[in-house]
PDB file of N, CA and C in Angstrom:
ATOM      1  N   MET A   1    -104.653 -52.575  -8.562  1.00  0.00           N
ATOM      2  CA  MET A   1    -104.693 -53.658  -7.800  1.00  0.00           C
ATOM      3  C   MET A   1    -103.197 -54.161  -7.398  1.00  0.00           C
ATOM      4  N   PRO A   2    -102.915 -54.501  -6.471  1.00  0.00           N
ATOM      5  CA  PRO A   2    -101.520 -54.595  -6.126  1.00  0.00           C
ATOM      6  C   PRO A   2    -100.875 -55.964  -7.326  1.00  0.00           C
ATOM      7  N   ARG A   3     -99.738 -56.479  -7.026  1.00  0.00           N
ATOM      8  CA  ARG A   3     -99.216 -57.619  -8.003  1.00  0.00           C
ATOM      9  C   ARG A   3     -99.373 -58.423  -6.956  1.00  0.00           C
ATOM     10  N   SER A   4     -99.790 -59.710  -7.609  1.00  0.00           N
ATOM     11  CA  SER A   4    -100.172 -60.904  -6.711  1.00  0.00           C
ATOM     12  C   SER A   4     -98.645 -62.125  -6.981  1.00  0.00           C
ATOM     13  N   VAL A   5     -98.125 -62.152  -6.054  1.00  0.00           N
ATOM     14  CA  VAL A   5     -97.202 -63.286  -5.960  1.00  0.00           C
ATOM     15  C   VAL A   5     -97.231 -64.438  -5.134  1.00  0.00           C
ATOM     16  N   ASN A   6     -96.984 -65.595  -5.669  1.00  0.00           N
ATOM     17  CA  ASN A   6     -97.176 -66.894  -5.073  1.00  0.00           C
ATOM     18  C   ASN A   6     -96.008 -67.088  -3.873  1.00  0.00           C
ATOM     19  N   VAL A   7     -95.979 -66.295  -2.644  1.00  0.00           N
ATOM     20  CA  VAL A   7     -94.972 -66.633  -1.827  1.00  0.00           C
ATOM     21  C   VAL A   7     -94.905 -67.973  -1.323  1.00  0.00           C
ATOM     22  N   VAL A   8     -96.041 -68.709  -0.951  1.00  0.00           N
ATOM     23  CA  VAL A   8     -95.919 -70.222  -0.578  1.00  0.00           C
ATOM     24  C   VAL A   8     -95.140 -70.933  -1.488  1.00  0.00           C
ATOM     25  N   ALA A   9     -95.350 -70.849  -2.759  1.00  0.00           N
ATOM     26  CA  ALA A   9     -94.787 -71.528  -3.552  1.00  0.00           C
ATOM     27  C   ALA A   9     -93.135 -71.136  -3.657  1.00  0.00           C
ATOM     28  N   ALA A  10     -93.066 -70.066  -3.693  1.00  0.00           N
ATOM     29  CA  ALA A  10     -91.718 -69.741  -3.923  1.00  0.00           C
ATOM     30  C   ALA A  10     -90.909 -69.986  -3.104  1.00  0.00           C
ATOM     31  N   ARG A  11     -91.168 -70.003  -1.682  1.00  0.00           N
ATOM     32  CA  ARG A  11     -90.445 -70.079  -0.518  1.00  0.00           C
ATOM     33  C   ARG A  11     -90.028 -71.547  -0.587  1.00  0.00           C
ATOM     34  N   ARG A  12     -91.431 -72.636  -1.075  1.00  0.00           N
ATOM     35  CA  ARG A  12     -91.376 -74.127  -0.631  1.00  0.00           C
ATOM     36  C   ARG A  12     -89.730 -74.469  -2.118  1.00  0.00           C
ATOM     37  N   ARG A  13     -90.184 -73.853  -3.205  1.00  0.00           N
ATOM     38  CA  ARG A  13     -88.970 -73.967  -4.057  1.00  0.00           C
ATOM     39  C   ARG A  13     -87.473 -73.667  -3.338  1.00  0.00           C
ATOM     40  N   ARG A  14     -87.604 -72.491  -3.019  1.00  0.00           N
ATOM     41  CA  ARG A  14     -86.067 -71.993  -2.450  1.00  0.00           C
ATOM     42  C   ARG A  14     -85.850 -73.200  -1.468  1.00  0.00           C
ATOM     43  N   LYS A  15     -86.779 -73.358  -0.343  1.00  0.00           N
ATOM     44  CA  LYS A  15     -86.262 -74.202   0.832  1.00  0.00           C
ATOM     45  C   LYS A  15     -85.863 -75.872   0.428  1.00  0.00           C
ATOM     46  N   LYS A  16     -86.475 -76.094  -0.873  1.00  0.00           N
ATOM     47  CA  LYS A  16     -86.041 -77.408  -1.552  1.00  0.00           C
ATOM     48  C   LYS A  16     -84.823 -77.184  -2.139  1.00  0.00           C
ATOM     49  N   MET A  17     -84.464 -76.133  -2.746  1.00  0.00           N
ATOM     50  CA  MET A  17     -82.920 -76.163  -3.232  1.00  0.00           C
ATOM     51  C   MET A  17     -82.005 -76.111  -2.312  1.00  0.00           C
ATOM     52  N   MET A  18     -82.162 -75.413  -1.061  1.00  0.00           N
ATOM     53  CA  MET A  18     -81.283 -74.987  -0.172  1.00  0.00           C
ATOM     54  C   MET A  18     -81.130 -76.150   0.783  1.00  0.00           C
ATOM     55  N   LYS A  19     -82.162 -77.415   1.020  1.00  0.00           N
ATOM     56  CA  LYS A  19     -81.784 -78.404   1.177  1.00  0.00           C
ATOM     57  C   LYS A  19     -80.110 -79.257   0.610  1.00  0.00           C
ATOM     58  N   HIS A  20     -80.320 -78.942  -0.554  1.00  0.00           N
ATOM     59  CA  HIS A  20     -79.373 -79.573  -1.195  1.00  0.00           C
ATOM     60  C   HIS A  20     -78.002 -78.713  -1.211  1.00  0.00           C
ATOM     61  N   ALA A  21     -77.654 -77.367  -0.377  1.00  0.00           N
ATOM     62  CA  ALA A  21     -76.599 -76.742   0.047  1.00  0.00           C
ATOM     63  C   ALA A  21     -76.559 -76.983   1.098  1.00  0.00           C
ATOM     64  N   LYS A  22     -76.844 -77.906   1.726  1.00  0.00           N
ATOM     65  CA  LYS A  22     -76.277 -78.416   3.191  1.00  0.00           C
ATOM     66  C   LYS A  22     -74.815 -79.003   3.138  1.00  0.00           C
ATOM     67  N   GLY A  23     -74.177 -78.320   4.035  1.00  0.00           N
ATOM     68  CA  GLY A  23     -72.969 -78.707   4.263  1.00  0.00           C
ATOM     69  C   GLY A  23     -71.873 -77.791   3.275  1.00  0.00           C
ATOM     70  N   TYR A  24     -72.526 -76.928   2.611  1.00  0.00           N
ATOM     71  CA  TYR A  24     -71.316 -76.125   1.957  1.00  0.00           C
ATOM     72  C   TYR A  24     -70.724 -74.932   2.822  1.00  0.00           C
ATOM     73  N   PHE A  25     -69.833 -74.373   2.580  1.00  0.00           N
ATOM     74  CA  PHE A  25     -68.931 -73.483   3.371  1.00  0.00           C
ATOM     75  C   PHE A  25     -69.302 -72.127   3.156  1.00  0.00           C
ATOM     76  N   GLY A  26     -69.430 -71.333   4.315  1.00  0.00           N
ATOM     77  CA  GLY A  26     -69.843 -69.976   4.171  1.00  0.00           C
ATOM     78  C   GLY A  26     -71.339 -69.193   3.307  1.00  0.00           C
ATOM     79  N   ARG A  27     -71.236 -68.353   2.172  1.00  0.00           N
ATOM     80  CA  ARG A  27     -72.283 -67.825   2.114  1.00  0.00           C
ATOM     81  C   ARG A  27     -72.987 -68.798   1.058  1.00  0.00           C
ATOM     82  N   ARG A  28     -72.166 -69.984   0.448  1.00  0.00           N
ATOM     83  CA  ARG A  28     -72.972 -70.994  -0.200  1.00  0.00           C
ATOM     84  C   ARG A  28     -73.859 -71.818   0.454  1.00  0.00           C
ATOM     85  N   LYS A  29     -73.786 -71.740   1.759  1.00  0.00           N
ATOM     86  CA  LYS A  29     -74.969 -72.647   2.479  1.00  0.00           C
ATOM     87  C   LYS A  29     -76.365 -71.692   2.634  1.00  0.00           C
ATOM     88  N   ASN A  30     -76.070 -70.239   2.788  1.00  0.00           N
ATOM     89  CA  ASN A  30     -77.344 -69.713   3.135  1.00  0.00           C
ATOM     90  C   ASN A  30     -77.700 -68.405   2.647  1.00  0.00           C
ATOM     91  N   VAL A  31     -76.996 -68.479   1.278  1.00  0.00           N
ATOM     92  CA  VAL A  31     -77.354 -66.992   0.726  1.00  0.00           C
ATOM     93  C   VAL A  31     -78.021 -67.478  -0.547  1.00  0.00           C
ATOM     94  N   TRP A  32     -79.378 -67.342  -1.009  1.00  0.00           N
ATOM     95  CA  TRP A  32     -80.001 -67.826  -2.272  1.00  0.00           C
ATOM     96  C   TRP A  32     -79.277 -68.153  -3.267  1.00  0.00           C
ATOM     97  N   THR A  33     -78.964 -66.572  -4.065  1.00  0.00           N
ATOM     98  CA  THR A  33     -78.212 -66.514  -5.001  1.00  0.00           C
ATOM     99  C   THR A  33     -77.303 -67.624  -5.062  1.00  0.00           C
ATOM    100  N   VAL A  34     -76.154 -67.280  -4.189  1.00  0.00           N
ATOM    101  CA  VAL A  34     -74.958 -67.881  -4.334  1.00  0.00           C
ATOM    102  C   VAL A  34     -75.047 -69.450  -4.044  1.00  0.00           C
ATOM    103  N   ALA A  35     -76.110 -70.013  -3.126  1.00  0.00           N
ATOM    104  CA  ALA A  35     -76.162 -71.299  -3.316  1.00  0.00           C
ATOM    105  C   ALA A  35     -76.765 -72.053  -4.214  1.00  0.00           C
ATOM    106  N   LYS A  36     -77.696 -71.238  -4.856  1.00  0.00           N
ATOM    107  CA  LYS A  36     -78.113 -72.047  -6.231  1.00  0.00           C
ATOM    108  C   LYS A  36     -77.174 -72.051  -7.312  1.00  0.00           C
ATOM    109  N   ASN A  37     -76.354 -71.035  -7.263  1.00  0.00           N
ATOM    110  CA  ASN A  37     -75.382 -71.173  -8.429  1.00  0.00           C
ATOM    111  C   ASN A  37     -74.444 -72.573  -8.026  1.00  0.00           C
ATOM    112  N   ALA A  38     -74.218 -72.781  -6.759  1.00  0.00           N
ATOM    113  CA  ALA A  38     -73.242 -73.693  -6.297  1.00  0.00           C
ATOM    114  C   ALA A  38     -73.676 -75.142  -6.700  1.00  0.00           C
ATOM    115  N   ILE A  39     -75.163 -75.008  -6.230  1.00  0.00           N
ATOM    116  CA  ILE A  39     -75.836 -76.272  -6.214  1.00  0.00           C
ATOM    117  C   ILE A  39     -75.895 -76.841  -7.752  1.00  0.00           C
ATOM    118  N   GLU A  40     -76.050 -75.672  -8.779  1.00  0.00           N
ATOM    119  CA  GLU A  40     -76.301 -76.192 -10.151  1.00  0.00           C
ATOM    120  C   GLU A  40     -74.989 -76.305 -10.597  1.00  0.00           C
ATOM    121  N   LYS A  41     -73.658 -75.860 -10.272  1.00  0.00           N
ATOM    122  CA  LYS A  41     -72.375 -75.982 -10.696  1.00  0.00           C
ATOM    123  C   LYS A  41     -72.113 -77.615 -10.181  1.00  0.00           C
ATOM    124  N   GLY A  42     -72.466 -77.822  -8.909  1.00  0.00           N
ATOM    125  CA  GLY A  42     -72.196 -79.320  -8.749  1.00  0.00           C
ATOM    126  C   GLY A  42     -72.974 -80.068  -9.006  1.00  0.00           C
ATOM    127  N   TRP A  43     -74.372 -79.965  -9.491  1.00  0.00           N
ATOM    128  CA  TRP A  43     -74.998 -80.839 -10.289  1.00  0.00           C
ATOM    129  C   TRP A  43     -74.325 -81.305 -11.805  1.00  0.00           C
ATOM    130  N   GLY A  44     -73.698 -80.026 -12.167  1.00  0.00           N
ATOM    131  CA  GLY A  44     -72.929 -80.084 -13.547  1.00  0.00           C
ATOM    132  C   GLY A  44     -72.067 -81.131 -13.312  1.00  0.00           C
ATOM    133  N   TYR A  45     -71.151 -80.733 -12.318  1.00  0.00           N
ATOM    134  CA  TYR A  45     -69.737 -81.616 -12.118  1.00  0.00           C
ATOM    135  C   TYR A  45     -70.542 -83.013 -11.818  1.00  0.00           C
ATOM    136  N   ALA A  46     -71.516 -83.339 -11.020  1.00  0.00           N
ATOM    137  CA  ALA A  46     -71.682 -84.678 -10.834  1.00  0.00           C
ATOM    138  C   ALA A  46     -72.198 -85.388 -12.186  1.00  0.00           C
ATOM    139  N   TYR A  47     -73.110 -84.733 -12.825  1.00  0.00           N
ATOM    140  CA  TYR A  47     -73.352 -85.296 -14.139  1.00  0.00           C
ATOM    141  C   TYR A  47     -72.166 -85.708 -14.953  1.00  0.00           C
ATOM    142  N   ARG A  48     -71.451 -84.831 -15.277  1.00  0.00           N
ATOM    143  CA  ARG A  48     -70.104 -85.027 -16.125  1.00  0.00           C
ATOM    144  C   ARG A  48     -69.229 -86.453 -15.591  1.00  0.00           C
ATOM    145  N   ASP A  49     -69.340 -86.540 -14.092  1.00  0.00           N
ATOM    146  CA  ASP A  49     -68.328 -87.315 -13.317  1.00  0.00           C
ATOM    147  C   ASP A  49     -68.782 -88.591 -13.262  1.00  0.00           C
ATOM    148  N   ARG A  50     -70.110 -88.682 -13.532  1.00  0.00           N
ATOM    149  CA  ARG A  50     -70.796 -90.064 -13.597  1.00  0.00           C
ATOM    150  C   ARG A  50     -70.110 -90.632 -14.697  1.00  0.00           C
ATOM    151  N   LYS A  51     -70.224 -90.260 -15.833  1.00  0.00           N
ATOM    152  CA  LYS A  51     -69.275 -90.614 -17.096  1.00  0.00           C
ATOM    153  C   LYS A  51     -68.283 -90.675 -17.205  1.00  0.00           C
ATOM    154  N   ALA A  52     -67.202 -90.066 -16.401  1.00  0.00           N
ATOM    155  CA  ALA A  52     -65.816 -89.893 -16.421  1.00  0.00           C
ATOM    156  C   ALA A  52     -65.267 -91.230 -15.206  1.00  0.00           C
ATOM    157  N   LYS A  53     -66.187 -91.312 -14.401  1.00  0.00           N
ATOM    158  CA  LYS A  53     -65.887 -92.595 -13.491  1.00  0.00           C
ATOM    159  C   LYS A  53     -66.062 -93.853 -14.255  1.00  0.00           C
ATOM    160  N   LYS A  54     -66.927 -94.293 -15.110  1.00  0.00           N
ATOM    161  CA  LYS A  54     -66.773 -95.298 -16.097  1.00  0.00           C
ATOM    162  C   LYS A  54     -65.396 -95.711 -16.778  1.00  0.00           C
ATOM    163  N   ARG A  55     -64.754 -94.509 -17.233  1.00  0.00           N
ATOM    164  CA  ARG A  55     -63.626 -94.486 -18.009  1.00  0.00           C
ATOM    165  C   ARG A  55     -62.598 -94.825 -16.972  1.00  0.00           C
ATOM    166  N   THR A  56     -62.485 -93.882 -16.226  1.00  0.00           N
ATOM    167  CA  THR A  56     -61.473 -94.163 -15.003  1.00  0.00           C
ATOM    168  C   THR A  56     -61.418 -95.753 -14.543  1.00  0.00           C
ATOM    169  N   PHE A  57     -62.452 -96.345 -14.059  1.00  0.00           N
ATOM    170  CA  PHE A  57     -62.559 -97.571 -13.740  1.00  0.00           C
ATOM    171  C   PHE A  57     -61.741 -98.398 -14.897  1.00  0.00           C
ATOM    172  N   ARG A  58     -62.720 -98.410 -16.150  1.00  0.00           N
ATOM    173  CA  ARG A  58     -61.857 -99.207 -17.331  1.00  0.00           C
ATOM    174  C   ARG A  58     -60.376 -99.002 -17.604  1.00  0.00           C
ATOM    175  N   GLY A  59     -59.861 -97.974 -17.011  1.00  0.00           N
ATOM    176  CA  GLY A  59     -58.341 -97.778 -17.217  1.00  0.00           C
ATOM    177  C   GLY A  59     -57.804 -98.551 -15.905  1.00  0.00           C
ATOM    178  N   LEU A  60     -58.440 -98.457 -14.884  1.00  0.00           N
ATOM    179  CA  LEU A  60     -57.770 -99.245 -13.665  1.00  0.00           C
ATOM    180  C   LEU A  60     -57.800-100.833 -13.902  1.00  0.00           C
ATOM    181  N   TRP A  61     -58.830-101.424 -14.730  1.00  0.00           N
ATOM    182  CA  TRP A  61     -58.967-102.831 -15.006  1.00  0.00           C
ATOM    183  C   TRP A  61     -57.987-102.804 -16.128  1.00  0.00           C
ATOM    184  N   ILE A  62     -57.641-101.962 -16.843  1.00  0.00           N
ATOM    185  CA  ILE A  62     -56.805-102.369 -18.028  1.00  0.00           C
ATOM    186  C   ILE A  62     -55.091-102.446 -17.174  1.00  0.00           C
ATOM    187  N   GLN A  63     -55.160-101.502 -16.060  1.00  0.00           N
ATOM    188  CA  GLN A  63     -53.818-101.691 -15.448  1.00  0.00           C
ATOM    189  C   GLN A  63     -53.287-102.819 -14.716  1.00  0.00           C
ATOM    190  N   ARG A  64     -54.337-103.326 -14.107  1.00  0.00           N
ATOM    191  CA  ARG A  64     -54.383-104.347 -13.397  1.00  0.00           C
ATOM    192  C   ARG A  64     -54.213-105.646 -14.136  1.00  0.00           C
ATOM    193  N   ILE A  65     -54.784-105.847 -15.412  1.00  0.00           N
ATOM    194  CA  ILE A  65     -54.943-106.903 -16.356  1.00  0.00           C
ATOM    195  C   ILE A  65     -53.328-106.916 -16.675  1.00  0.00           C
ATOM    196  N   ASN A  66     -52.892-105.643 -17.095  1.00  0.00           N
ATOM    197  CA  ASN A  66     -51.731-105.432 -17.501  1.00  0.00           C
ATOM    198  C   ASN A  66     -50.372-106.300 -17.045  1.00  0.00           C
ATOM    199  N   ALA A  67     -50.683-105.611 -15.629  1.00  0.00           N
ATOM    200  CA  ALA A  67     -49.682-106.172 -14.586  1.00  0.00           C
ATOM    201  C   ALA A  67     -49.735-107.814 -14.210  1.00  0.00           C
ATOM    202  N   GLY A  68     -50.902-108.346 -14.314  1.00  0.00           N
ATOM    203  CA  GLY A  68     -51.133-109.536 -14.240  1.00  0.00           C
ATOM    204  C   GLY A  68     -50.497-110.419 -15.527  1.00  0.00           C
ATOM    205  N   ALA A  69     -50.809-110.012 -16.604  1.00  0.00           N
ATOM    206  CA  ALA A  69     -50.288-110.577 -17.794  1.00  0.00           C
ATOM    207  C   ALA A  69     -49.024-110.744 -17.857  1.00  0.00           C
ATOM    208  N   ARG A  70     -48.200-109.555 -17.323  1.00  0.00           N
ATOM    209  CA  ARG A  70     -46.672-109.198 -17.582  1.00  0.00           C
ATOM    210  C   ARG A  70     -46.223-110.229 -16.532  1.00  0.00           C
ATOM    211  N   LEU A  71     -46.705-110.593 -15.415  1.00  0.00           N
ATOM    212  CA  LEU A  71     -46.005-111.509 -14.611  1.00  0.00           C
ATOM    213  C   LEU A  71     -46.219-112.909 -15.035  1.00  0.00           C
ATOM    214  N   ASN A  72     -47.081-112.978 -15.997  1.00  0.00           N
ATOM    215  CA  ASN A  72     -47.215-114.404 -16.541  1.00  0.00           C
ATOM    216  C   ASN A  72     -46.678-114.334 -18.147  1.00  0.00           C
ATOM    217  N   GLY A  73     -45.595-113.376 -18.117  1.00  0.00           N
ATOM    218  CA  GLY A  73     -44.975-113.359 -19.785  1.00  0.00           C
ATOM    219  C   GLY A  73     -45.914-112.719 -20.879  1.00  0.00           C
ATOM    220  N   MET A  74     -46.685-111.968 -20.583  1.00  0.00           N
ATOM    221  CA  MET A  74     -47.674-111.810 -21.795  1.00  0.00           C
ATOM    222  C   MET A  74     -47.970-110.032 -21.668  1.00  0.00           C
ATOM    223  N   SER A  75     -47.871-109.810 -22.798  1.00  0.00           N
ATOM    224  CA  SER A  75     -48.387-108.235 -22.431  1.00  0.00           C
ATOM    225  C   SER A  75     -49.885-107.822 -22.683  1.00  0.00           C
ATOM    226  N   TYR A  76     -50.321-106.618 -22.263  1.00  0.00           N
ATOM    227  CA  TYR A  76     -51.682-106.813 -22.285  1.00  0.00           C
ATOM    228  C   TYR A  76     -52.579-106.630 -23.353  1.00  0.00           C
ATOM    229  N   SER A  77     -51.785-106.184 -24.846  1.00  0.00           N
ATOM    230  CA  SER A  77     -52.440-106.125 -25.871  1.00  0.00           C
ATOM    231  C   SER A  77     -52.396-107.674 -26.447  1.00  0.00           C
ATOM    232  N   ARG A  78     -51.432-108.288 -26.191  1.00  0.00           N
ATOM    233  CA  ARG A  78     -51.472-109.811 -26.645  1.00  0.00           C
ATOM    234  C   ARG A  78     -52.176-110.458 -26.154  1.00  0.00           C
ATOM    235  N   PHE A  79     -52.391-110.352 -24.813  1.00  0.00           N
ATOM    236  CA  PHE A  79     -53.178-111.388 -24.125  1.00  0.00           C
ATOM    237  C   PHE A  79     -54.554-111.084 -24.544  1.00  0.00           C
ATOM    238  N   MET A  80     -55.234-109.599 -24.805  1.00  0.00           N
ATOM    239  CA  MET A  80     -56.471-109.354 -24.940  1.00  0.00           C
ATOM    240  C   MET A  80     -56.949-109.815 -26.398  1.00  0.00           C
ATOM    241  N   GLY A  81     -55.839-109.858 -27.410  1.00  0.00           N
ATOM    242  CA  GLY A  81     -56.008-110.098 -28.733  1.00  0.00           C
ATOM    243  C   GLY A  81     -56.205-111.610 -28.936  1.00  0.00           C
ATOM    244  N   ALA A  82     -55.439-112.287 -28.083  1.00  0.00           N
ATOM    245  CA  ALA A  82     -55.675-113.676 -28.025  1.00  0.00           C
ATOM    246  C   ALA A  82     -56.602-114.047 -27.435  1.00  0.00           C
ATOM    247  N   ALA A  83     -57.358-113.657 -26.415  1.00  0.00           N
ATOM    248  CA  ALA A  83     -58.256-113.762 -25.569  1.00  0.00           C
ATOM    249  C   ALA A  83     -59.501-113.518 -26.400  1.00  0.00           C
ATOM    250  N   GLY A  84     -59.762-112.682 -27.483  1.00  0.00           N
ATOM    251  CA  GLY A  84     -60.802-112.645 -28.321  1.00  0.00           C
ATOM    252  C   GLY A  84     -60.834-113.664 -29.140  1.00  0.00           C
ATOM    253  N   SER A  85     -59.616-113.821 -29.760  1.00  0.00           N
ATOM    254  CA  SER A  85     -59.429-115.100 -30.465  1.00  0.00           C
ATOM    255  C   SER A  85     -59.711-116.277 -30.259  1.00  0.00           C
ATOM    256  N   LYS A  86     -59.785-116.703 -28.850  1.00  0.00           N
ATOM    257  CA  LYS A  86     -59.800-117.901 -28.445  1.00  0.00           C
ATOM    258  C   LYS A  86     -61.148-118.148 -27.870  1.00  0.00           C
ATOM    259  N   ASN A  87     -62.001-116.863 -27.834  1.00  0.00           N
ATOM    260  CA  ASN A  87     -63.425-116.969 -27.731  1.00  0.00           C
ATOM    261  C   ASN A  87     -63.595-117.197 -25.890  1.00  0.00           C
ATOM    262  N   ILE A  88     -62.670-116.475 -25.073  1.00  0.00           N
ATOM    263  CA  ILE A  88     -62.785-116.493 -23.744  1.00  0.00           C
ATOM    264  C   ILE A  88     -63.913-114.932 -23.549  1.00  0.00           C
ATOM    265  N   GLU A  89     -64.960-115.375 -22.924  1.00  0.00           N
ATOM    266  CA  GLU A  89     -65.766-114.456 -22.672  1.00  0.00           C
ATOM    267  C   GLU A  89     -65.873-113.643 -21.363  1.00  0.00           C
ATOM    268  N   LEU A  90     -64.739-113.640 -20.811  1.00  0.00           N
ATOM    269  CA  LEU A  90     -64.456-112.466 -19.656  1.00  0.00           C
ATOM    270  C   LEU A  90     -64.278-110.830 -20.035  1.00  0.00           C
ATOM    271  N   ASN A  91     -65.052-110.414 -19.201  1.00  0.00           N
ATOM    272  CA  ASN A  91     -65.034-108.917 -19.649  1.00  0.00           C
ATOM    273  C   ASN A  91     -63.703-108.369 -18.670  1.00  0.00           C
ATOM    274  N   ARG A  92     -63.312-107.094 -19.069  1.00  0.00           N
ATOM    275  CA  ARG A  92     -62.081-106.508 -18.144  1.00  0.00           C
ATOM    276  C   ARG A  92     -62.083-106.491 -16.783  1.00  0.00           C
ATOM    277  N   LYS A  93     -63.455-106.233 -16.512  1.00  0.00           N
ATOM    278  CA  LYS A  93     -63.703-106.179 -14.979  1.00  0.00           C
ATOM    279  C   LYS A  93     -63.365-107.395 -13.977  1.00  0.00           C
ATOM    280  N   VAL A  94     -63.858-108.607 -14.643  1.00  0.00           N
ATOM    281  CA  VAL A  94     -63.839-109.681 -14.223  1.00  0.00           C
ATOM    282  C   VAL A  94     -62.257-110.126 -14.357  1.00  0.00           C
ATOM    283  N   LEU A  95     -61.721-109.930 -15.164  1.00  0.00           N
ATOM    284  CA  LEU A  95     -60.462-110.354 -15.472  1.00  0.00           C
ATOM    285  C   LEU A  95     -59.433-109.641 -14.666  1.00  0.00           C
ATOM    286  N   ALA A  96     -59.790-108.240 -14.437  1.00  0.00           N
ATOM    287  CA  ALA A  96     -59.012-107.566 -13.206  1.00  0.00           C
ATOM    288  C   ALA A  96     -58.869-108.036 -11.794  1.00  0.00           C
ATOM    289  N   ASP A  97     -60.189-108.571 -11.751  1.00  0.00           N
ATOM    290  CA  ASP A  97     -60.680-109.142 -10.496  1.00  0.00           C
ATOM    291  C   ASP A  97     -59.735-110.085 -10.043  1.00  0.00           C
ATOM    292  N   LEU A  98     -59.950-111.052 -11.341  1.00  0.00           N
ATOM    293  CA  LEU A  98     -59.039-112.696 -10.962  1.00  0.00           C
ATOM    294  C   LEU A  98     -57.370-112.225 -10.755  1.00  0.00           C
ATOM    295  N   ALA A  99     -57.140-111.230 -12.000  1.00  0.00           N
ATOM    296  CA  ALA A  99     -55.616-110.709 -11.602  1.00  0.00           C
ATOM    297  C   ALA A  99     -55.054-110.105 -10.366  1.00  0.00           C
ATOM    298  N   MET A 100     -56.080-109.493  -9.912  1.00  0.00           N
ATOM    299  CA  MET A 100     -56.020-108.964  -8.414  1.00  0.00           C
ATOM    300  C   MET A 100     -55.873-109.953  -7.160  1.00  0.00           C
ATOM    301  N   ASN A 101     -57.021-110.554  -7.071  1.00  0.00           N
ATOM    302  CA  ASN A 101     -57.219-111.382  -5.996  1.00  0.00           C
ATOM    303  C   ASN A 101     -56.904-112.794  -6.142  1.00  0.00           C
ATOM    304  N   HIS A 102     -56.837-113.201  -7.327  1.00  0.00           N
ATOM    305  CA  HIS A 102     -56.568-114.694  -7.414  1.00  0.00           C
ATOM    306  C   HIS A 102     -55.847-114.924  -8.677  1.00  0.00           C
ATOM    307  N   PRO A 103     -54.445-114.592  -8.311  1.00  0.00           N
ATOM    308  CA  PRO A 103     -53.549-114.530  -9.145  1.00  0.00           C
ATOM    309  C   PRO A 103     -53.148-116.356 -10.161  1.00  0.00           C
ATOM    310  N   GLU A 104     -53.347-117.048  -9.140  1.00  0.00           N
ATOM    311  CA  GLU A 104     -53.477-118.420  -9.689  1.00  0.00           C
ATOM    312  C   GLU A 104     -54.208-118.724 -10.677  1.00  0.00           C
ATOM    313  N   THR A 105     -55.706-118.246 -10.593  1.00  0.00           N
ATOM    314  CA  THR A 105     -56.815-118.589 -11.708  1.00  0.00           C
ATOM    315  C   THR A 105     -56.092-117.624 -12.611  1.00  0.00           C
ATOM    316  N   PHE A 106     -55.684-116.640 -12.454  1.00  0.00           N
ATOM    317  CA  PHE A 106     -55.808-115.537 -13.701  1.00  0.00           C
ATOM    318  C   PHE A 106     -54.491-116.331 -14.550  1.00  0.00           C
ATOM    319  N   ALA A 107     -53.484-116.762 -13.971  1.00  0.00           N
ATOM    320  CA  ALA A 107     -52.295-117.494 -14.355  1.00  0.00           C
ATOM    321  C   ALA A 107     -52.700-118.785 -15.479  1.00  0.00           C
ATOM    322  N   GLN A 108     -53.957-119.264 -14.911  1.00  0.00           N
ATOM    323  CA  GLN A 108     -54.432-120.498 -15.862  1.00  0.00           C
ATOM    324  C   GLN A 108     -55.276-119.897 -17.135  1.00  0.00           C
ATOM    325  N   VAL A 109     -55.887-118.792 -16.868  1.00  0.00           N
ATOM    326  CA  VAL A 109     -56.325-118.028 -18.055  1.00  0.00           C
ATOM    327  C   VAL A 109     -55.535-117.767 -19.051  1.00  0.00           C
ATOM    328  N   VAL A 110     -54.293-117.107 -18.614  1.00  0.00           N
ATOM    329  CA  VAL A 110     -53.441-116.840 -19.265  1.00  0.00           C
ATOM    330  C   VAL A 110     -52.408-118.032 -20.240  1.00  0.00           C
ATOM    331  N   LYS A 111     -52.538-118.945 -19.454  1.00  0.00           N
ATOM    332  CA  LYS A 111     -51.899-120.181 -19.862  1.00  0.00           C
ATOM    333  C   LYS A 111     -53.145-120.900 -20.916  1.00  0.00           C
ATOM    334  N   ALA A 112     -54.353-120.824 -21.035  1.00  0.00           N
ATOM    335  CA  ALA A 112     -55.360-121.041 -21.852  1.00  0.00           C
ATOM    336  C   ALA A 112     -55.267-120.269 -23.066  1.00  0.00           C
ATOM    337  N   VAL A 113     -54.979-118.978 -22.843  1.00  0.00           N
ATOM    338  CA  VAL A 113     -54.749-118.171 -24.129  1.00  0.00           C
ATOM    339  C   VAL A 113     -53.647-118.126 -25.053  1.00  0.00           C
ATOM    340  N   LYS A 114     -52.403-118.744 -24.141  1.00  0.00           N
ATOM    341  CA  LYS A 114     -51.183-118.901 -25.092  1.00  0.00           C
ATOM    342  C   LYS A 114     -51.219-120.028 -26.237  1.00  0.00           C
TER     343      LYS A 114
END
């Protein structure tokens, strides 16, 4: 008896995967084995960089707060230490936005911390 293979399911599975290869260059978009490897590699990078994105943004916020604090005569570390001891419950994202877009308000926060 000949071997039975479920071609319908296999084709559906491959088509679903090849949909993800849309926009890739060269054989990565239309050759099954190459595309599959490229897609899986891409998913690995996407997973890794979703985590790295959070670290990158935190660094950006720290740089912006540091710049704003130094304009008001204080270093980042002294500012954050004093803000913690004064129970100022603003996170780095909000403080960075204030430092960047509302410097007058940020100056008032620094004055309250001093």
